Amino acid sequence: MYEVGIEASEDISQEEIDGLKNLYDTPVGTIPMEREKGLDMSFLSMPPDMAKNLFSVEVIKKTRLYLDLEVTDIEFISVEAGKLVAKVVVSRGE
């Protein structure tokens, strides 16, 4: 399992933050008519270092694609056996 916290710059609306939460909590392939929306959860079965890398790539790519926001940092707070806890920092971009 994994958990994601979001830190956003002041110019990002609550609606956009809710959209990020929804995007990060949705497994890819589960939304009818939008099968590509969501995150590929295959990182959950990987070793910790690989899981962090795959998660980061997926979050950066999907955040830019679906919400037109930039991920400026991803901090992994905890990586235990079977659990990944991350803080994603987003901004409007330039």
Foldseek 3Di string as FASTA:
>chain_A
DEAEAEAEDPVDDPVLVVVLVVQAVDDQCPDPPRNRGHFPPPLLPDPPVSSVVRSVVRSQVNCCVPPVKGFPDKDWPDDDNRYTYIYTYIYNDD
